[in-house]
C-alpha atoms as a PDB file:
ATOM      1  CA  MET A   1     -16.962 125.435  83.805  1.00  0.00           C
ATOM      2  CA  GLN A   2     -14.691 124.001  86.221  1.00  0.00           C
ATOM      3  CA  LYS A   3     -11.495 123.441  83.334  1.00  0.00           C
ATOM      4  CA  GLN A   4     -12.758 127.428  83.207  1.00  0.00           C
ATOM      5  CA  GLY A   5     -10.696 128.472  86.310  1.00  0.00           C
ATOM      6  CA  SER A   6     -14.066 128.183  88.015  1.00  0.00           C
ATOM      7  CA  SER A   7     -14.321 127.432  91.839  1.00  0.00           C
ATOM      8  CA  LEU A   8     -16.438 124.682  93.097  1.00  0.00           C
ATOM      9  CA  ALA A   9     -18.884 127.860  94.890  1.00  0.00           C
ATOM     10  CA  GLU A  10     -18.300 129.405  91.746  1.00  0.00           C
ATOM     11  CA  ILE A  11     -20.568 126.744  90.048  1.00  0.00           C
ATOM     12  CA  ALA A  12     -22.595 126.220  92.450  1.00  0.00           C
ATOM     13  CA  LYS A  13     -23.722 129.287  93.026  1.00  0.00           C
ATOM     14  CA  SER A  14     -24.410 130.336  89.677  1.00  0.00           C
ATOM     15  CA  ILE A  15     -26.652 127.241  88.814  1.00  0.00           C
ATOM     16  CA  GLY A  16     -28.095 127.379  92.152  1.00  0.00           C
ATOM     17  CA  VAL A  17     -27.153 124.770  94.596  1.00  0.00           C
ATOM     18  CA  HIS A  18     -24.875 124.296  97.101  1.00  0.00           C
ATOM     19  CA  LYS A  19     -21.031 123.279  96.528  1.00  0.00           C
ATOM     20  CA  SER A  20     -20.919 120.278  97.922  1.00  0.00           C
ATOM     21  CA  THR A  21     -23.568 118.882  95.698  1.00  0.00           C
ATOM     22  CA  ILE A  22     -21.399 119.996  92.738  1.00  0.00           C
ATOM     23  CA  SER A  23     -18.963 118.114  94.935  1.00  0.00           C
ATOM     24  CA  ARG A  24     -20.503 114.625  94.900  1.00  0.00           C
ATOM     25  CA  GLU A  25     -21.281 115.307  91.065  1.00  0.00           C
ATOM     26  CA  LEU A  26     -17.688 115.367  90.199  1.00  0.00           C
ATOM     27  CA  GLN A  27     -16.893 112.893  92.497  1.00  0.00           C
ATOM     28  CA  ARG A  28     -19.087 110.362  91.443  1.00  0.00           C
ATOM     29  CA  ASN A  29     -19.482 111.088  88.079  1.00  0.00           C
ATOM     30  CA  SER A  30     -16.370 112.120  86.409  1.00  0.00           C
ATOM     31  CA  ASP A  31     -14.434 110.306  84.672  1.00  0.00           C
ATOM     32  CA  GLN A  32     -11.754 107.599  86.215  1.00  0.00           C
ATOM     33  CA  ARG A  33      -8.901 107.311  83.457  1.00  0.00           C
ATOM     34  CA  ASN A  34      -8.573 111.305  83.539  1.00  0.00           C
ATOM     35  CA  GLY A  35     -10.845 112.894  85.850  1.00  0.00           C
ATOM     36  CA  ASP A  36     -12.879 114.714  82.875  1.00  0.00           C
ATOM     37  CA  TYR A  37     -16.178 115.300  83.272  1.00  0.00           C
ATOM     38  CA  LYS A  38     -18.588 114.660  80.740  1.00  0.00           C
ATOM     39  CA  VAL A  39     -22.346 115.133  80.616  1.00  0.00           C
ATOM     40  CA  ASP A  40     -22.776 112.230  78.541  1.00  0.00           C
ATOM     41  CA  LEU A  41     -21.016 109.437  80.895  1.00  0.00           C
ATOM     42  CA  ALA A  42     -22.693 111.473  83.802  1.00  0.00           C
ATOM     43  CA  GLN A  43     -25.880 110.835  82.127  1.00  0.00           C
ATOM     44  CA  LYS A  44     -25.203 106.867  81.127  1.00  0.00           C
ATOM     45  CA  LYS A  45     -23.341 106.097  84.856  1.00  0.00           C
ATOM     46  CA  TYR A  46     -26.723 107.462  85.756  1.00  0.00           C
ATOM     47  CA  HIS A  47     -29.145 105.295  84.064  1.00  0.00           C
ATOM     48  CA  GLN A  48     -26.516 101.810  85.380  1.00  0.00           C
ATOM     49  CA  ARG A  49     -27.752 103.483  89.027  1.00  0.00           C
ATOM     50  CA  HIS A  50     -31.005 103.505  88.836  1.00  0.00           C
ATOM     51  CA  ALA A  51     -31.388 100.344  86.738  1.00  0.00           C
ATOM     52  CA  ASN A  52     -29.151  97.856  89.684  1.00  0.00           C
ATOM     53  CA  LYS A  53     -30.948  99.558  92.380  1.00  0.00           C
ATOM     54  CA  PRO A  54     -32.857  97.390  94.322  1.00  0.00           C
ATOM     55  CA  LYS A  55     -36.511  97.648  93.648  1.00  0.00           C
ATOM     56  CA  SER A  56     -38.463  96.931  96.729  1.00  0.00           C
ATOM     57  CA  ILE A  57     -41.183  94.158  96.390  1.00  0.00           C
ATOM     58  CA  ARG A  58     -45.185  95.427  97.698  1.00  0.00           C
ATOM     59  CA  PHE A  59     -46.601  92.337  96.452  1.00  0.00           C
ATOM     60  CA  THR A  60     -45.122  89.204  97.432  1.00  0.00           C
ATOM     61  CA  GLN A  61     -46.446  86.274  96.207  1.00  0.00           C
ATOM     62  CA  GLU A  62     -48.509  85.710 100.142  1.00  0.00           C
ATOM     63  CA  ILE A  63     -50.133  88.709  99.408  1.00  0.00           C
ATOM     64  CA  LYS A  64     -51.353  88.037  96.445  1.00  0.00           C
ATOM     65  CA  GLU A  65     -52.492  84.617  97.671  1.00  0.00           C
ATOM     66  CA  ASP A  66     -54.147  86.349 100.920  1.00  0.00           C
ATOM     67  CA  TYR A  67     -55.758  88.972  98.456  1.00  0.00           C
ATOM     68  CA  SER A  68     -57.091  86.040  96.171  1.00  0.00           C
ATOM     69  CA  ILE A  69     -58.469  84.028  98.904  1.00  0.00           C
ATOM     70  CA  ALA A  70     -60.328  86.656 100.481  1.00  0.00           C
ATOM     71  CA  GLN A  71     -61.834  88.148  97.247  1.00  0.00           C
ATOM     72  CA  ASN A  72     -63.176  84.505  96.605  1.00  0.00           C
ATOM     73  CA  ARG A  73     -65.124  84.363 100.107  1.00  0.00           C
ATOM     74  CA  LEU A  74     -67.362  87.914  99.049  1.00  0.00           C
END
């Protein structure tokens, strides 16, 4: 839509989001070489970011051992 001459505000209004959302999406996911936005590239970048983000560790080895000890006492 942007290549067709639509402004960020017009694009945002047509899909029901704020114009800053469109701006961030284009900045984050456009091709670095030529600035073009491609859906398949954006999806690939999303999956890469999701795979690389830090995962929280909920059950550390210490917690598992404490739980195991508590279960054995019952």
